[in-house]
PDB file of all heavy atoms in Angstrom:
ATOM      1  N   GLU A   1     105.371  83.428 128.025  1.00  0.00           N
ATOM      2  CA  GLU A   1     104.255  84.225 127.963  1.00  0.00           C
ATOM      3  C   GLU A   1     103.882  84.568 126.559  1.00  0.00           C
ATOM      4  O   GLU A   1     104.745  84.972 125.686  1.00  0.00           O
ATOM      5  CB  GLU A   1     104.508  85.574 128.687  1.00  0.00           C
ATOM      6  CG  GLU A   1     104.792  85.364 130.141  1.00  0.00           C
ATOM      7  CD  GLU A   1     105.133  86.682 130.778  1.00  0.00           C
ATOM      8  OE1 GLU A   1     104.624  87.819 130.269  1.00  0.00           O
ATOM      9  OE2 GLU A   1     105.791  86.614 131.860  1.00  0.00           O
ATOM     10  N   PRO A   2     102.486  84.623 126.097  1.00  0.00           N
ATOM     11  CA  PRO A   2     102.237  85.085 124.839  1.00  0.00           C
ATOM     12  C   PRO A   2     102.587  86.436 124.662  1.00  0.00           C
ATOM     13  O   PRO A   2     102.718  87.330 125.540  1.00  0.00           O
ATOM     14  CB  PRO A   2     100.653  85.081 124.890  1.00  0.00           C
ATOM     15  CG  PRO A   2     100.298  84.021 125.923  1.00  0.00           C
ATOM     16  CD  PRO A   2     101.418  84.243 127.006  1.00  0.00           C
ATOM     17  N   SER A   3     102.994  86.745 123.425  1.00  0.00           N
ATOM     18  CA  SER A   3     103.429  88.133 123.120  1.00  0.00           C
ATOM     19  C   SER A   3     104.885  88.525 123.538  1.00  0.00           C
ATOM     20  O   SER A   3     105.265  89.637 123.338  1.00  0.00           O
ATOM     21  CB  SER A   3     102.513  89.385 123.297  1.00  0.00           C
ATOM     22  OG  SER A   3     101.210  89.043 122.753  1.00  0.00           O
ATOM     23  N   ALA A   4     105.498  87.709 124.174  1.00  0.00           N
ATOM     24  CA  ALA A   4     106.935  87.895 124.605  1.00  0.00           C
ATOM     25  C   ALA A   4     107.734  87.602 123.456  1.00  0.00           C
ATOM     26  O   ALA A   4     108.061  86.294 123.254  1.00  0.00           O
ATOM     27  CB  ALA A   4     107.307  87.043 125.897  1.00  0.00           C
ATOM     28  N   LEU A   5     108.207  88.435 122.733  1.00  0.00           N
ATOM     29  CA  LEU A   5     109.039  88.152 121.593  1.00  0.00           C
ATOM     30  C   LEU A   5     110.544  88.064 121.857  1.00  0.00           C
ATOM     31  O   LEU A   5     111.024  88.860 122.721  1.00  0.00           O
ATOM     32  CB  LEU A   5     108.970  89.540 120.536  1.00  0.00           C
ATOM     33  CG  LEU A   5     107.503  89.500 119.915  1.00  0.00           C
ATOM     34  CD1 LEU A   5     107.570  90.714 118.894  1.00  0.00           C
ATOM     35  CD2 LEU A   5     107.061  88.220 119.359  1.00  0.00           C
ATOM     36  N   ARG A   6     111.226  87.153 121.257  1.00  0.00           N
ATOM     37  CA  ARG A   6     112.624  86.974 121.257  1.00  0.00           C
ATOM     38  C   ARG A   6     113.250  87.360 119.964  1.00  0.00           C
ATOM     39  O   ARG A   6     112.776  87.015 118.862  1.00  0.00           O
ATOM     40  CB  ARG A   6     112.960  85.546 121.562  1.00  0.00           C
ATOM     41  CG  ARG A   6     112.649  85.134 123.047  1.00  0.00           C
ATOM     42  CD  ARG A   6     113.211  83.815 123.284  1.00  0.00           C
ATOM     43  NE  ARG A   6     113.031  83.481 124.739  1.00  0.00           N
ATOM     44  CZ  ARG A   6     113.402  82.324 125.214  1.00  0.00           C
ATOM     45  NH1 ARG A   6     114.104  81.472 124.573  1.00  0.00           N
ATOM     46  NH2 ARG A   6     113.067  82.049 126.389  1.00  0.00           N
ATOM     47  N   GLN A   7     114.378  87.989 120.075  1.00  0.00           N
ATOM     48  CA  GLN A   7     115.057  88.483 118.825  1.00  0.00           C
ATOM     49  C   GLN A   7     115.705  87.306 118.204  1.00  0.00           C
ATOM     50  O   GLN A   7     116.241  86.401 119.007  1.00  0.00           O
ATOM     51  CB  GLN A   7     116.095  89.654 119.092  1.00  0.00           C
ATOM     52  CG  GLN A   7     115.418  90.875 119.697  1.00  0.00           C
ATOM     53  CD  GLN A   7     114.370  91.469 118.593  1.00  0.00           C
ATOM     54  OE1 GLN A   7     114.702  91.665 117.491  1.00  0.00           O
ATOM     55  NE2 GLN A   7     113.158  91.645 119.101  1.00  0.00           N
ATOM     56  N   ALA A   8     115.680  87.184 116.905  1.00  0.00           N
ATOM     57  CA  ALA A   8     116.448  86.057 116.189  1.00  0.00           C
ATOM     58  C   ALA A   8     116.769  86.590 114.851  1.00  0.00           C
ATOM     59  O   ALA A   8     116.278  87.571 114.246  1.00  0.00           O
ATOM     60  CB  ALA A   8     115.463  84.880 116.057  1.00  0.00           C
ATOM     61  N   ASP A   9     117.844  85.920 114.244  1.00  0.00           N
ATOM     62  CA  ASP A   9     118.303  86.154 112.947  1.00  0.00           C
ATOM     63  C   ASP A   9     117.847  84.934 112.149  1.00  0.00           C
ATOM     64  O   ASP A   9     118.169  83.847 112.451  1.00  0.00           O
ATOM     65  CB  ASP A   9     119.823  86.373 112.838  1.00  0.00           C
ATOM     66  CG  ASP A   9     120.238  86.796 111.468  1.00  0.00           C
ATOM     67  OD1 ASP A   9     119.928  87.896 111.091  1.00  0.00           O
ATOM     68  OD2 ASP A   9     120.931  85.921 110.884  1.00  0.00           O
ATOM     69  N   VAL A  10     117.116  85.194 111.146  1.00  0.00           N
ATOM     70  CA  VAL A  10     116.491  84.021 110.371  1.00  0.00           C
ATOM     71  C   VAL A  10     116.473  84.360 108.885  1.00  0.00           C
ATOM     72  O   VAL A  10     116.781  85.443 108.442  1.00  0.00           O
ATOM     73  CB  VAL A  10     114.987  83.851 110.817  1.00  0.00           C
ATOM     74  CG1 VAL A  10     114.885  83.502 112.338  1.00  0.00           C
ATOM     75  CG2 VAL A  10     114.017  84.883 110.341  1.00  0.00           C
ATOM     76  N   THR A  11     116.155  83.272 108.229  1.00  0.00           N
ATOM     77  CA  THR A  11     115.787  83.387 106.752  1.00  0.00           C
ATOM     78  C   THR A  11     114.286  82.997 106.597  1.00  0.00           C
ATOM     79  O   THR A  11     113.954  81.862 106.959  1.00  0.00           O
ATOM     80  CB  THR A  11     116.735  82.567 105.885  1.00  0.00           C
ATOM     81  OG1 THR A  11     118.106  82.906 106.032  1.00  0.00           O
ATOM     82  CG2 THR A  11     116.295  82.677 104.330  1.00  0.00           C
ATOM     83  N   VAL A  12     113.539  83.890 105.994  1.00  0.00           N
ATOM     84  CA  VAL A  12     112.062  83.623 105.829  1.00  0.00           C
ATOM     85  C   VAL A  12     111.856  83.093 104.419  1.00  0.00           C
ATOM     86  O   VAL A  12     112.487  83.650 103.487  1.00  0.00           O
ATOM     87  CB  VAL A  12     111.284  84.794 106.029  1.00  0.00           C
ATOM     88  CG1 VAL A  12     109.711  84.591 105.926  1.00  0.00           C
ATOM     89  CG2 VAL A  12     111.547  85.362 107.447  1.00  0.00           C
ATOM     90  N   LEU A  13     111.075  82.066 104.233  1.00  0.00           N
ATOM     91  CA  LEU A  13     110.721  81.463 102.808  1.00  0.00           C
ATOM     92  C   LEU A  13     109.268  81.646 102.681  1.00  0.00           C
ATOM     93  O   LEU A  13     108.469  81.267 103.623  1.00  0.00           O
ATOM     94  CB  LEU A  13     111.068  80.045 102.839  1.00  0.00           C
ATOM     95  CG  LEU A  13     110.818  79.226 101.611  1.00  0.00           C
ATOM     96  CD1 LEU A  13     111.915  78.019 101.391  1.00  0.00           C
ATOM     97  CD2 LEU A  13     109.358  78.694 101.576  1.00  0.00           C
ATOM     98  N   PHE A  14     108.889  82.222 101.526  1.00  0.00           N
ATOM     99  CA  PHE A  14     107.511  82.306 100.971  1.00  0.00           C
ATOM    100  C   PHE A  14     107.440  81.484  99.724  1.00  0.00           C
ATOM    101  O   PHE A  14     108.401  81.698  98.825  1.00  0.00           O
ATOM    102  CB  PHE A  14     106.973  83.707 100.759  1.00  0.00           C
ATOM    103  CG  PHE A  14     106.422  84.432 102.037  1.00  0.00           C
ATOM    104  CD1 PHE A  14     107.375  85.033 102.772  1.00  0.00           C
ATOM    105  CD2 PHE A  14     105.120  84.161 102.356  1.00  0.00           C
ATOM    106  CE1 PHE A  14     106.869  85.746 103.959  1.00  0.00           C
ATOM    107  CE2 PHE A  14     104.693  84.899 103.444  1.00  0.00           C
ATOM    108  CZ  PHE A  14     105.510  85.616 104.287  1.00  0.00           C
ATOM    109  N   ALA A  15     106.559  80.562  99.605  1.00  0.00           N
ATOM    110  CA  ALA A  15     106.293  79.849  98.311  1.00  0.00           C
ATOM    111  C   ALA A  15     104.886  79.798  97.976  1.00  0.00           C
ATOM    112  O   ALA A  15     103.979  79.536  98.939  1.00  0.00           O
ATOM    113  CB  ALA A  15     106.942  78.401  98.389  1.00  0.00           C
ATOM    114  N   ASP A  16     104.516  80.094  96.768  1.00  0.00           N
ATOM    115  CA  ASP A  16     103.008  79.952  96.393  1.00  0.00           C
ATOM    116  C   ASP A  16     102.891  79.354  95.023  1.00  0.00           C
ATOM    117  O   ASP A  16     103.896  79.266  94.240  1.00  0.00           O
ATOM    118  CB  ASP A  16     102.336  81.181  96.456  1.00  0.00           C
ATOM    119  CG  ASP A  16     102.437  82.220  95.289  1.00  0.00           C
ATOM    120  OD1 ASP A  16     103.496  82.157  94.538  1.00  0.00           O
ATOM    121  OD2 ASP A  16     101.532  82.911  94.938  1.00  0.00           O
ATOM    122  N   LEU A  17     101.688  78.843  94.765  1.00  0.00           N
ATOM    123  CA  LEU A  17     101.377  78.188  93.413  1.00  0.00           C
ATOM    124  C   LEU A  17     101.174  79.376  92.407  1.00  0.00           C
ATOM    125  O   LEU A  17     100.422  80.353  92.735  1.00  0.00           O
ATOM    126  CB  LEU A  17     100.078  77.324  93.504  1.00  0.00           C
ATOM    127  CG  LEU A  17     100.292  76.119  94.281  1.00  0.00           C
ATOM    128  CD1 LEU A  17      98.957  75.404  94.530  1.00  0.00           C
ATOM    129  CD2 LEU A  17     101.294  75.090  93.510  1.00  0.00           C
ATOM    130  N   VAL A  18     101.731  79.239  91.264  1.00  0.00           N
ATOM    131  CA  VAL A  18     101.589  80.204  90.172  1.00  0.00           C
ATOM    132  C   VAL A  18     100.241  79.809  89.485  1.00  0.00           C
ATOM    133  O   VAL A  18      99.973  78.560  89.150  1.00  0.00           O
ATOM    134  CB  VAL A  18     102.702  80.237  89.142  1.00  0.00           C
ATOM    135  CG1 VAL A  18     102.482  81.061  87.964  1.00  0.00           C
ATOM    136  CG2 VAL A  18     103.956  80.546  89.882  1.00  0.00           C
ATOM    137  N   GLY A  19      99.305  80.811  89.242  1.00  0.00           N
ATOM    138  CA  GLY A  19      98.142  80.459  88.552  1.00  0.00           C
ATOM    139  C   GLY A  19      97.135  79.786  89.338  1.00  0.00           C
ATOM    140  O   GLY A  19      96.063  79.141  88.685  1.00  0.00           O
ATOM    141  N   PHE A  20      97.133  79.779  90.571  1.00  0.00           N
ATOM    142  CA  PHE A  20      96.162  79.010  91.350  1.00  0.00           C
ATOM    143  C   PHE A  20      94.776  79.493  91.173  1.00  0.00           C
ATOM    144  O   PHE A  20      93.874  78.635  91.147  1.00  0.00           O
ATOM    145  CB  PHE A  20      96.557  79.085  92.863  1.00  0.00           C
ATOM    146  CG  PHE A  20      95.548  78.531  93.844  1.00  0.00           C
ATOM    147  CD1 PHE A  20      95.563  77.119  93.904  1.00  0.00           C
ATOM    148  CD2 PHE A  20      94.652  79.284  94.643  1.00  0.00           C
ATOM    149  CE1 PHE A  20      94.572  76.509  94.770  1.00  0.00           C
ATOM    150  CE2 PHE A  20      93.765  78.705  95.463  1.00  0.00           C
ATOM    151  CZ  PHE A  20      93.717  77.291  95.564  1.00  0.00           C
ATOM    152  N   THR A  21      94.592  80.826  91.186  1.00  0.00           N
ATOM    153  CA  THR A  21      93.203  81.413  91.008  1.00  0.00           C
ATOM    154  C   THR A  21      92.578  80.872  89.748  1.00  0.00           C
ATOM    155  O   THR A  21      91.400  80.522  89.841  1.00  0.00           O
ATOM    156  CB  THR A  21      93.282  82.885  91.094  1.00  0.00           C
ATOM    157  OG1 THR A  21      93.893  83.356  92.302  1.00  0.00           O
ATOM    158  CG2 THR A  21      91.820  83.502  91.043  1.00  0.00           C
ATOM    159  N   SER A  22      93.452  81.026  88.668  1.00  0.00           N
ATOM    160  CA  SER A  22      92.885  80.419  87.389  1.00  0.00           C
ATOM    161  C   SER A  22      92.447  78.861  87.453  1.00  0.00           C
ATOM    162  O   SER A  22      91.423  78.426  87.038  1.00  0.00           O
ATOM    163  CB  SER A  22      93.671  80.766  86.319  1.00  0.00           C
ATOM    164  OG  SER A  22      93.914  82.103  86.071  1.00  0.00           O
ATOM    165  N   ALA A  23      93.474  78.105  87.971  1.00  0.00           N
ATOM    166  CA  ALA A  23      93.279  76.736  88.081  1.00  0.00           C
ATOM    167  C   ALA A  23      92.097  76.305  88.845  1.00  0.00           C
ATOM    168  O   ALA A  23      91.367  75.358  88.556  1.00  0.00           O
ATOM    169  CB  ALA A  23      94.507  76.097  88.603  1.00  0.00           C
ATOM    170  N   SER A  24      91.831  77.079  90.026  1.00  0.00           N
ATOM    171  CA  SER A  24      90.729  76.703  90.909  1.00  0.00           C
ATOM    172  C   SER A  24      89.322  76.959  90.230  1.00  0.00           C
ATOM    173  O   SER A  24      88.444  76.265  90.775  1.00  0.00           O
ATOM    174  CB  SER A  24      90.889  77.362  92.237  1.00  0.00           C
ATOM    175  OG  SER A  24      90.847  78.855  92.081  1.00  0.00           O
ATOM    176  N   GLN A  25      89.307  77.867  89.341  1.00  0.00           N
ATOM    177  CA  GLN A  25      88.080  77.993  88.591  1.00  0.00           C
ATOM    178  C   GLN A  25      87.638  76.825  87.711  1.00  0.00           C
ATOM    179  O   GLN A  25      86.410  76.546  87.603  1.00  0.00           O
ATOM    180  CB  GLN A  25      88.171  79.209  87.735  1.00  0.00           C
ATOM    181  CG  GLN A  25      88.402  80.577  88.356  1.00  0.00           C
ATOM    182  CD  GLN A  25      88.464  81.695  87.373  1.00  0.00           C
ATOM    183  OE1 GLN A  25      87.822  81.636  86.414  1.00  0.00           O
ATOM    184  NE2 GLN A  25      89.447  82.678  87.678  1.00  0.00           N
ATOM    185  N   GLU A  26      88.592  75.953  87.421  1.00  0.00           N
ATOM    186  CA  GLU A  26      88.325  74.784  86.570  1.00  0.00           C
ATOM    187  C   GLU A  26      88.107  73.550  87.485  1.00  0.00           C
ATOM    188  O   GLU A  26      87.767  72.513  86.951  1.00  0.00           O
ATOM    189  CB  GLU A  26      89.485  74.602  85.559  1.00  0.00           C
ATOM    190  CG  GLU A  26      89.855  75.704  84.757  1.00  0.00           C
ATOM    191  CD  GLU A  26      88.772  76.218  83.850  1.00  0.00           C
ATOM    192  OE1 GLU A  26      88.152  75.352  83.312  1.00  0.00           O
ATOM    193  OE2 GLU A  26      88.557  77.429  83.815  1.00  0.00           O
ATOM    194  N   LEU A  27      88.270  73.641  88.862  1.00  0.00           N
ATOM    195  CA  LEU A  27      88.314  72.510  89.651  1.00  0.00           C
ATOM    196  C   LEU A  27      87.072  72.493  90.549  1.00  0.00           C
ATOM    197  O   LEU A  27      86.642  73.578  90.872  1.00  0.00           O
ATOM    198  CB  LEU A  27      89.592  72.342  90.542  1.00  0.00           C
ATOM    199  CG  LEU A  27      90.974  72.279  89.689  1.00  0.00           C
ATOM    200  CD1 LEU A  27      92.080  72.457  90.662  1.00  0.00           C
ATOM    201  CD2 LEU A  27      91.006  70.859  89.061  1.00  0.00           C
ATOM    202  N   SER A  28      86.744  71.329  90.943  1.00  0.00           N
ATOM    203  CA  SER A  28      85.660  71.276  92.035  1.00  0.00           C
ATOM    204  C   SER A  28      86.410  71.553  93.310  1.00  0.00           C
ATOM    205  O   SER A  28      87.627  71.613  93.451  1.00  0.00           O
ATOM    206  CB  SER A  28      85.059  69.724  92.014  1.00  0.00           C
ATOM    207  OG  SER A  28      86.130  68.910  92.489  1.00  0.00           O
ATOM    208  N   PRO A  29      85.526  71.846  94.485  1.00  0.00           N
ATOM    209  CA  PRO A  29      86.185  72.098  95.730  1.00  0.00           C
ATOM    210  C   PRO A  29      87.093  71.028  96.145  1.00  0.00           C
ATOM    211  O   PRO A  29      88.091  71.190  96.705  1.00  0.00           O
ATOM    212  CB  PRO A  29      84.967  72.183  96.551  1.00  0.00           C
ATOM    213  CG  PRO A  29      83.920  72.800  95.746  1.00  0.00           C
ATOM    214  CD  PRO A  29      84.231  72.110  94.385  1.00  0.00           C
ATOM    215  N   ALA A  30      86.623  69.711  95.847  1.00  0.00           N
ATOM    216  CA  ALA A  30      87.483  68.483  96.190  1.00  0.00           C
ATOM    217  C   ALA A  30      88.851  68.593  95.386  1.00  0.00           C
ATOM    218  O   ALA A  30      89.930  68.276  95.958  1.00  0.00           O
ATOM    219  CB  ALA A  30      86.783  67.279  96.006  1.00  0.00           C
ATOM    220  N   GLY A  31      88.738  68.967  94.264  1.00  0.00           N
ATOM    221  CA  GLY A  31      89.826  69.108  93.273  1.00  0.00           C
ATOM    222  C   GLY A  31      90.824  70.192  93.773  1.00  0.00           C
ATOM    223  O   GLY A  31      92.089  70.040  93.848  1.00  0.00           O
ATOM    224  N   VAL A  32      90.302  71.247  94.324  1.00  0.00           N
ATOM    225  CA  VAL A  32      91.175  72.382  94.867  1.00  0.00           C
ATOM    226  C   VAL A  32      91.864  71.833  96.129  1.00  0.00           C
ATOM    227  O   VAL A  32      93.074  72.031  96.335  1.00  0.00           O
ATOM    228  CB  VAL A  32      90.345  73.524  95.209  1.00  0.00           C
ATOM    229  CG1 VAL A  32      91.113  74.680  95.930  1.00  0.00           C
ATOM    230  CG2 VAL A  32      89.775  74.255  94.013  1.00  0.00           C
ATOM    231  N   ALA A  33      91.022  71.168  96.911  1.00  0.00           N
ATOM    232  CA  ALA A  33      91.662  70.566  98.106  1.00  0.00           C
ATOM    233  C   ALA A  33      92.736  69.569  97.795  1.00  0.00           C
ATOM    234  O   ALA A  33      93.782  69.552  98.507  1.00  0.00           O
ATOM    235  CB  ALA A  33      90.611  69.881  98.911  1.00  0.00           C
ATOM    236  N   ARG A  34      92.698  68.678  96.798  1.00  0.00           N
ATOM    237  CA  ARG A  34      93.728  67.787  96.396  1.00  0.00           C
ATOM    238  C   ARG A  34      94.852  68.504  95.879  1.00  0.00           C
ATOM    239  O   ARG A  34      95.986  68.122  96.246  1.00  0.00           O
ATOM    240  CB  ARG A  34      93.218  66.843  95.317  1.00  0.00           C
ATOM    241  CG  ARG A  34      92.279  65.614  95.967  1.00  0.00           C
ATOM    242  CD  ARG A  34      92.093  64.611  94.901  1.00  0.00           C
ATOM    243  NE  ARG A  34      91.421  65.161  93.728  1.00  0.00           N
ATOM    244  CZ  ARG A  34      90.059  65.266  93.627  1.00  0.00           C
ATOM    245  NH1 ARG A  34      89.220  64.870  94.582  1.00  0.00           N
ATOM    246  NH2 ARG A  34      89.494  65.584  92.496  1.00  0.00           N
ATOM    247  N   LEU A  35      94.693  69.667  95.118  1.00  0.00           N
ATOM    248  CA  LEU A  35      95.845  70.377  94.571  1.00  0.00           C
ATOM    249  C   LEU A  35      96.669  70.941  95.698  1.00  0.00           C
ATOM    250  O   LEU A  35      97.876  70.900  95.801  1.00  0.00           O
ATOM    251  CB  LEU A  35      95.311  71.488  93.713  1.00  0.00           C
ATOM    252  CG  LEU A  35      96.305  72.406  93.051  1.00  0.00           C
ATOM    253  CD1 LEU A  35      97.019  71.614  91.919  1.00  0.00           C
ATOM    254  CD2 LEU A  35      95.542  73.545  92.491  1.00  0.00           C
ATOM    255  N   LEU A  36      95.872  71.594  96.666  1.00  0.00           N
ATOM    256  CA  LEU A  36      96.640  72.236  97.873  1.00  0.00           C
ATOM    257  C   LEU A  36      97.239  71.255  98.769  1.00  0.00           C
ATOM    258  O   LEU A  36      98.368  71.412  99.236  1.00  0.00           O
ATOM    259  CB  LEU A  36      95.513  73.010  98.572  1.00  0.00           C
ATOM    260  CG  LEU A  36      95.201  74.336  97.991  1.00  0.00           C
ATOM    261  CD1 LEU A  36      94.024  74.962  98.844  1.00  0.00           C
ATOM    262  CD2 LEU A  36      96.300  75.312  97.686  1.00  0.00           C
ATOM    263  N   ASP A  37      96.673  69.954  99.006  1.00  0.00           N
ATOM    264  CA  ASP A  37      97.202  69.030  99.849  1.00  0.00           C
ATOM    265  C   ASP A  37      98.470  68.574  99.148  1.00  0.00           C
ATOM    266  O   ASP A  37      99.451  68.302  99.889  1.00  0.00           O
ATOM    267  CB  ASP A  37      96.181  67.788  99.922  1.00  0.00           C
ATOM    268  CG  ASP A  37      95.070  68.057 100.911  1.00  0.00           C
ATOM    269  OD1 ASP A  37      95.149  69.046 101.567  1.00  0.00           O
ATOM    270  OD2 ASP A  37      94.155  67.283 100.900  1.00  0.00           O
TER     271      ASP A  37
END
């Protein structure tokens, strides 16, 4: 069922690109898409 949560013990990972906002100002939308891909 949706919203039926099960308890679990996990490790969560977050990773992000450093300086993405600045870099994306210099790129075309296609360039941003290639970078993210």
